[in-house]
C-alpha atoms as a PDB file:
ATOM      1  CA  MET A   1    -119.935  90.823 -15.190  1.00  0.00           C
ATOM      2  CA  ARG A   2    -116.934  92.398 -13.809  1.00  0.00           C
ATOM      3  CA  TRP A   3    -113.215  91.076 -14.425  1.00  0.00           C
ATOM      4  CA  TYR A   4    -109.648  92.255 -13.487  1.00  0.00           C
ATOM      5  CA  VAL A   5    -105.993  92.722 -14.895  1.00  0.00           C
ATOM      6  CA  SER A   6    -103.526  93.157 -12.097  1.00  0.00           C
ATOM      7  CA  LEU A   7     -99.793  93.816 -12.578  1.00  0.00           C
ATOM      8  CA  GLU A   8     -97.455  93.386  -9.641  1.00  0.00           C
ATOM      9  CA  PHE A   9     -93.709  94.257  -9.325  1.00  0.00           C
ATOM     10  CA  GLN A  10     -91.470  95.011  -6.969  1.00  0.00           C
ATOM     11  CA  ALA A  11     -89.298  98.427  -7.514  1.00  0.00           C
ATOM     12  CA  GLU A  12     -86.456  99.766  -5.750  1.00  0.00           C
ATOM     13  CA  ALA A  13     -88.861 102.531  -4.544  1.00  0.00           C
ATOM     14  CA  GLY A  14     -91.805  99.760  -3.391  1.00  0.00           C
ATOM     15  CA  THR A  15     -94.103  97.582  -4.658  1.00  0.00           C
ATOM     16  CA  ARG A  16     -96.472  99.387  -7.310  1.00  0.00           C
ATOM     17  CA  ARG A  17     -99.987  97.476  -8.402  1.00  0.00           C
ATOM     18  CA  THR A  18    -101.454  98.824 -11.589  1.00  0.00           C
ATOM     19  CA  VAL A  19    -105.496  97.138 -11.562  1.00  0.00           C
ATOM     20  CA  TYR A  20    -107.509  97.764 -14.325  1.00  0.00           C
ATOM     21  CA  THR A  21    -111.529  97.210 -13.539  1.00  0.00           C
ATOM     22  CA  SER A  22    -114.106  96.663 -16.378  1.00  0.00           C
ATOM     23  CA  SER A  23    -118.005  96.139 -15.632  1.00  0.00           C
ATOM     24  CA  LYS A  24    -120.792  95.048 -18.001  1.00  0.00           C
ATOM     25  CA  GLY A  25    -119.014  92.941 -20.017  1.00  0.00           C
ATOM     26  CA  ASP A  26    -116.645  95.883 -21.491  1.00  0.00           C
ATOM     27  CA  LEU A  27    -113.393  95.050 -22.991  1.00  0.00           C
ATOM     28  CA  LEU A  28    -110.796  97.589 -22.194  1.00  0.00           C
ATOM     29  CA  ASN A  29    -110.031  99.717 -25.423  1.00  0.00           C
ATOM     30  CA  MET A  30    -107.284  98.485 -27.551  1.00  0.00           C
ATOM     31  CA  LYS A  31    -104.756 101.485 -26.610  1.00  0.00           C
ATOM     32  CA  ARG A  32    -105.274 101.234 -22.920  1.00  0.00           C
ATOM     33  CA  ARG A  33    -104.363  97.370 -23.548  1.00  0.00           C
ATOM     34  CA  ARG A  34    -101.322  97.936 -25.915  1.00  0.00           C
ATOM     35  CA  GLU A  35    -100.351 100.966 -23.204  1.00  0.00           C
ATOM     36  CA  PHE A  36    -100.733  97.732 -20.309  1.00  0.00           C
ATOM     37  CA  LEU A  37     -99.210  94.962 -22.429  1.00  0.00           C
ATOM     38  CA  ALA A  38     -96.135  97.439 -23.013  1.00  0.00           C
ATOM     39  CA  GLY A  39     -95.788  98.471 -19.930  1.00  0.00           C
ATOM     40  CA  ALA A  40     -96.106  94.757 -18.251  1.00  0.00           C
ATOM     41  CA  ALA A  41     -93.075  94.063 -20.747  1.00  0.00           C
ATOM     42  CA  GLY A  42     -91.077  97.291 -19.936  1.00  0.00           C
ATOM     43  CA  LEU A  43     -90.990  95.911 -16.371  1.00  0.00           C
ATOM     44  CA  ALA A  44     -90.703  92.401 -16.823  1.00  0.00           C
ATOM     45  CA  ALA A  45     -87.373  93.475 -19.028  1.00  0.00           C
ATOM     46  CA  GLY A  46     -86.317  95.914 -16.240  1.00  0.00           C
ATOM     47  CA  ALA A  47     -86.735  92.978 -13.526  1.00  0.00           C
ATOM     48  CA  ALA A  48     -84.382  90.764 -15.221  1.00  0.00           C
ATOM     49  CA  VAL A  49     -81.387  93.333 -14.974  1.00  0.00           C
ATOM     50  CA  PRO A  50     -79.824  92.468 -11.992  1.00  0.00           C
ATOM     51  CA  SER A  51     -78.748  95.692  -9.584  1.00  0.00           C
ATOM     52  CA  LYS A  52     -75.020  96.791  -9.397  1.00  0.00           C
ATOM     53  CA  ALA A  53     -75.308  95.412  -5.774  1.00  0.00           C
ATOM     54  CA  ALA A  54     -76.174  91.581  -7.037  1.00  0.00           C
ATOM     55  CA  ALA A  55     -73.291  91.640  -9.254  1.00  0.00           C
ATOM     56  CA  THR A  56     -70.428  92.460  -7.126  1.00  0.00           C
ATOM     57  CA  SER A  57     -71.866  89.606  -5.173  1.00  0.00           C
ATOM     58  CA  GLY A  58     -72.825  86.663  -7.793  1.00  0.00           C
ATOM     59  CA  LYS A  59     -70.446  83.896  -8.650  1.00  0.00           C
ATOM     60  CA  VAL A  60     -67.180  83.826  -6.475  1.00  0.00           C
ATOM     61  CA  LYS A  61     -64.415  80.840  -7.023  1.00  0.00           C
ATOM     62  CA  ALA A  62     -64.225  78.678  -3.631  1.00  0.00           C
ATOM     63  CA  PRO A  63     -61.985  75.627  -2.592  1.00  0.00           C
ATOM     64  CA  GLY A  64     -63.138  73.121  -5.567  1.00  0.00           C
ATOM     65  CA  GLY A  65     -65.877  74.924  -6.786  1.00  0.00           C
ATOM     66  CA  TYR A  66     -68.264  78.332  -7.235  1.00  0.00           C
ATOM     67  CA  LYS A  67     -69.700  79.915  -4.539  1.00  0.00           C
ATOM     68  CA  VAL A  68     -73.008  82.019  -4.820  1.00  0.00           C
ATOM     69  CA  GLY A  69     -73.902  84.098  -1.711  1.00  0.00           C
ATOM     70  CA  ASN A  70     -74.411  81.722   1.085  1.00  0.00           C
ATOM     71  CA  LEU A  71     -74.462  78.359  -0.716  1.00  0.00           C
ATOM     72  CA  TYR A  72     -71.363  76.134  -2.678  1.00  0.00           C
ATOM     73  CA  TYR A  73     -71.696  73.865  -5.401  1.00  0.00           C
ATOM     74  CA  SER A  74     -68.743  71.630  -5.594  1.00  0.00           C
ATOM     75  CA  SER A  75     -67.005  70.650  -8.798  1.00  0.00           C
ATOM     76  CA  GLY A  76     -67.212  66.499  -9.092  1.00  0.00           C
ATOM     77  CA  LEU A  77     -64.304  65.626  -7.162  1.00  0.00           C
ATOM     78  CA  SER A  78     -63.157  61.581  -6.935  1.00  0.00           C
ATOM     79  CA  GLY A  79     -60.451  60.141  -4.811  1.00  0.00           C
ATOM     80  CA  LYS A  80     -57.238  57.608  -4.729  1.00  0.00           C
ATOM     81  CA  GLY A  81     -58.096  54.310  -3.163  1.00  0.00           C
ATOM     82  CA  ALA A  82     -58.318  50.541  -4.378  1.00  0.00           C
ATOM     83  CA  ASP A  83     -61.782  50.287  -4.062  1.00  0.00           C
ATOM     84  CA  ILE A  84     -65.560  52.203  -4.297  1.00  0.00           C
ATOM     85  CA  LYS A  85     -65.159  52.569  -0.434  1.00  0.00           C
ATOM     86  CA  GLU A  86     -61.734  54.002  -0.177  1.00  0.00           C
ATOM     87  CA  GLN A  87     -62.206  56.302  -3.148  1.00  0.00           C
ATOM     88  CA  THR A  88     -66.064  57.462  -1.213  1.00  0.00           C
ATOM     89  CA  ILE A  89     -64.129  58.027   1.805  1.00  0.00           C
ATOM     90  CA  ALA A  90     -61.085  59.899  -0.123  1.00  0.00           C
ATOM     91  CA  THR A  91     -63.442  62.005  -2.159  1.00  0.00           C
ATOM     92  CA  LEU A  92     -65.562  62.707   0.925  1.00  0.00           C
ATOM     93  CA  LYS A  93     -62.797  64.222   2.814  1.00  0.00           C
ATOM     94  CA  LYS A  94     -61.906  66.343   0.177  1.00  0.00           C
ATOM     95  CA  HIS A  95     -65.230  67.348   0.251  1.00  0.00           C
ATOM     96  CA  GLN A  96     -65.246  68.328   3.726  1.00  0.00           C
ATOM     97  CA  GLU A  97     -62.315  69.783   4.044  1.00  0.00           C
ATOM     98  CA  ASN A  98     -63.390  72.393   1.067  1.00  0.00           C
ATOM     99  CA  LEU A  99     -66.497  73.052   3.601  1.00  0.00           C
ATOM    100  CA  GLU A 100     -64.022  73.643   6.168  1.00  0.00           C
ATOM    101  CA  ALA A 101     -61.645  76.160   3.971  1.00  0.00           C
ATOM    102  CA  GLN A 102     -65.159  78.072   3.899  1.00  0.00           C
ATOM    103  CA  GLY A 103     -66.231  77.965   7.584  1.00  0.00           C
ATOM    104  CA  SER A 104     -69.025  75.322   6.955  1.00  0.00           C
ATOM    105  CA  SER A 105     -69.097  71.184   7.090  1.00  0.00           C
ATOM    106  CA  LEU A 106     -71.079  68.452   5.785  1.00  0.00           C
ATOM    107  CA  ASP A 107     -73.741  69.435   8.414  1.00  0.00           C
ATOM    108  CA  ASN A 108     -74.402  71.971   5.892  1.00  0.00           C
ATOM    109  CA  VAL A 109     -74.840  69.648   2.911  1.00  0.00           C
ATOM    110  CA  ILE A 110     -78.098  69.833   0.982  1.00  0.00           C
ATOM    111  CA  LYS A 111     -77.933  67.944  -2.139  1.00  0.00           C
ATOM    112  CA  VAL A 112     -75.234  65.346  -3.222  1.00  0.00           C
ATOM    113  CA  THR A 113     -74.792  63.996  -6.645  1.00  0.00           C
ATOM    114  CA  ALA A 114     -73.076  60.265  -7.130  1.00  0.00           C
ATOM    115  CA  PHE A 115     -71.648  59.292 -10.262  1.00  0.00           C
ATOM    116  CA  LEU A 116     -71.159  55.586  -9.277  1.00  0.00           C
ATOM    117  CA  ALA A 117     -69.143  53.404 -12.361  1.00  0.00           C
ATOM    118  CA  ASP A 118     -71.110  49.718 -11.734  1.00  0.00           C
ATOM    119  CA  VAL A 119     -74.126  51.224  -9.725  1.00  0.00           C
ATOM    120  CA  LYS A 120     -75.933  48.012  -9.019  1.00  0.00           C
ATOM    121  CA  GLY A 121     -72.550  45.861  -7.985  1.00  0.00           C
ATOM    122  CA  GLU A 122     -70.828  48.995  -5.781  1.00  0.00           C
ATOM    123  CA  LYS A 123     -73.466  50.535  -4.368  1.00  0.00           C
ATOM    124  CA  PRO A 124     -73.708  48.880  -1.044  1.00  0.00           C
ATOM    125  CA  ALA A 125     -70.210  49.526  -0.790  1.00  0.00           C
ATOM    126  CA  PHE A 126     -70.447  53.178  -1.695  1.00  0.00           C
ATOM    127  CA  ASN A 127     -73.205  53.796   1.289  1.00  0.00           C
ATOM    128  CA  ALA A 128     -71.507  52.402   3.718  1.00  0.00           C
ATOM    129  CA  ALA A 129     -68.982  54.533   3.177  1.00  0.00           C
ATOM    130  CA  TYR A 130     -71.335  57.796   2.705  1.00  0.00           C
ATOM    131  CA  ALA A 131     -73.268  56.825   6.147  1.00  0.00           C
ATOM    132  CA  GLU A 132     -69.674  57.374   7.901  1.00  0.00           C
ATOM    133  CA  PHE A 133     -70.103  60.903   6.524  1.00  0.00           C
ATOM    134  CA  PHE A 134     -73.527  61.547   7.053  1.00  0.00           C
ATOM    135  CA  LYS A 135     -74.646  59.748  10.492  1.00  0.00           C
ATOM    136  CA  LYS A 136     -77.858  61.583  10.486  1.00  0.00           C
ATOM    137  CA  ASP A 137     -80.347  63.910   8.694  1.00  0.00           C
ATOM    138  CA  ALA A 138     -78.094  62.977   5.268  1.00  0.00           C
ATOM    139  CA  PRO A 139     -78.744  65.431   2.895  1.00  0.00           C
ATOM    140  CA  ALA A 140     -80.527  64.735  -0.361  1.00  0.00           C
ATOM    141  CA  ARG A 141     -78.848  62.683  -2.762  1.00  0.00           C
ATOM    142  CA  THR A 142     -78.635  61.027  -6.035  1.00  0.00           C
ATOM    143  CA  ALA A 143     -76.469  57.705  -7.624  1.00  0.00           C
ATOM    144  CA  LEU A 144     -76.512  57.134 -11.318  1.00  0.00           C
ATOM    145  CA  GLY A 145     -74.096  54.677 -13.340  1.00  0.00           C
ATOM    146  CA  ALA A 146     -71.229  56.735 -15.315  1.00  0.00           C
ATOM    147  CA  ILE A 147     -68.734  55.259 -17.652  1.00  0.00           C
ATOM    148  CA  PHE A 148     -65.136  57.565 -16.607  1.00  0.00           C
ATOM    149  CA  PRO A 149     -62.829  57.537 -19.027  1.00  0.00           C
ATOM    150  CA  ASP A 150     -60.271  55.254 -16.985  1.00  0.00           C
ATOM    151  CA  THR A 151     -60.876  51.883 -15.464  1.00  0.00           C
ATOM    152  CA  GLU A 152     -59.566  53.522 -12.349  1.00  0.00           C
ATOM    153  CA  THR A 153     -62.116  55.335 -11.068  1.00  0.00           C
ATOM    154  CA  ARG A 154     -64.833  54.246  -9.048  1.00  0.00           C
ATOM    155  CA  VAL A 155     -66.898  57.168  -7.838  1.00  0.00           C
ATOM    156  CA  GLU A 156     -67.116  61.144  -8.109  1.00  0.00           C
ATOM    157  CA  ILE A 157     -69.022  63.085  -5.859  1.00  0.00           C
ATOM    158  CA  GLU A 158     -70.997  66.459  -6.263  1.00  0.00           C
ATOM    159  CA  LEU A 159     -72.783  68.444  -3.549  1.00  0.00           C
ATOM    160  CA  VAL A 160     -74.465  71.803  -2.696  1.00  0.00           C
ATOM    161  CA  ALA A 161     -73.452  73.253   0.348  1.00  0.00           C
ATOM    162  CA  TRP A 162     -75.002  76.171   3.005  1.00  0.00           C
ATOM    163  CA  VAL A 163     -72.572  78.425   3.761  1.00  0.00           C
ATOM    164  CA  PRO A 164     -73.325  80.556   7.249  1.00  0.00           C
END
C-alpha cells in the first residue's frame, strides 16, 4: 500500500511542495506527523496575513459605495417618485452617475439586488423600468420583498460592478 500526504502553498519566493511518502502501510512516526501538521498550521496562518501591498489597495470609498480592486460595491439607493417605476428610474440614474464618476457604466454591472415594497404587485412595473437600463446582457439579479421605514419608498437597489 502506498499513500501520500502533500502540502502546497504560495510563498513570496515561489511555490513549494512538501511530500511525505510511506509504503507497505507504514505510518509516519508521531514526531514527523506533528512536525508536518505544525508546519501546515504555520503556513496557513501566514497565508491569512495580507501583505503590505494588499493593505494599501483594499477598500476605498467611492461615490455611493466602496471599491475593492476593480469591483465596486454600492450602498442600497432609492429615488424619489410617485410610483415604483419612477423610483426605479431615479435610482438607476443615481447608480449610473456613480459608475460614470469612476470611469465605468451600467454595462459593467455584475449583480443587482432589488428590494421592493410590494414584490408581487409592483414587480411588472419595476421590470419595465429596469429593462430601460439593461437592454441586453442584463446582470444577475435578485428581487426581494422588503418593509421600508416609510410608506413612500417603493424600491431600493444595490449593485456590484466591474470598474476598468
